[in-house]
Amino acid sequence: MSKVKESVSVTLLITLFETKIMGLFSSIFKKQADKSKAGGMEDYMTLVRVYFQATLAANLGITNLAMLPDLRTYKTTLRIPTQNNKLGLGEKSHCRKMLKELYKTDDDFFKEIDASIRRNCHKLQDVQVYLVQFQNFTQDLMMLMGNLMKFKLRLPSFFKKAIYTMTQRTINDIFNKNDFSDAGVLKTVGSIRQYNKRLGFSQKWVTDFVFQVVMLAKKEPRPEEKNK
């Protein structure tokens, strides 16, 4: 009975990971993107979730695909065979390849995710705590970045280097600056630092992650454009 409750609880947390962990982004996985160009923000966010879930499955020996919704859709849609009778191995490798091809994601990005999960998830029960921490970290981070960068985010996409530099500086402020005048900002900064102390991501990892999301979001059509 306890194992059933544990399984349901983990499934609910991973569902929460689907809908909230990445802020306000959609969790619908579409067909494999055209390899001649990068997919959209939805595809990127889903691939990141798939990589997390595949790593969790491989590390913890999870065999129930119902517990890993994004991984299940990814595996069945692209017909990825199970490698060495262990869920997660082949899917993780395939997902990693797609992220590298579509978004030029570097090896350090994956290494830090692997290290974070390895450090925090030693048994099935750890998954719940980890996903909640990552959810809160990501949600607070994206909201605060929007607040701190404000009009800077309106720069055209061709100012790529400038946007990256501004993102890098803002992330550095979040991790190191202590004289924010706004009490709400200071409180959120404190929460982000505490979460990341447990998760163990470097400032570069956080910068690259936020920058990728920002650049893809800039390419998304505006609501009025979608309705035309």
Foldseek 3Di string as FASTA:
>chain_A
DVVVVLLVLLLVLLVCLQCFLQAHAHNDADAQDDLVAADFLNNVSLLVLLLLVLLCQQQAVDDDCSSRVSVVCQCVRVVFDDPPPGGSPRSNVVSVVSCCSHPVDDPVLSVLSNVLCVQQPPYSNSSNVLSVLSSLLNNLVLVLCCVVCPPVLVPDLVVLVVNLVVLLVVLCCLQDPQPDPDPVSNVSSVSNNVSCVNSVDDSVSVSVVSSSSSSSVSVDDDPVVVVD
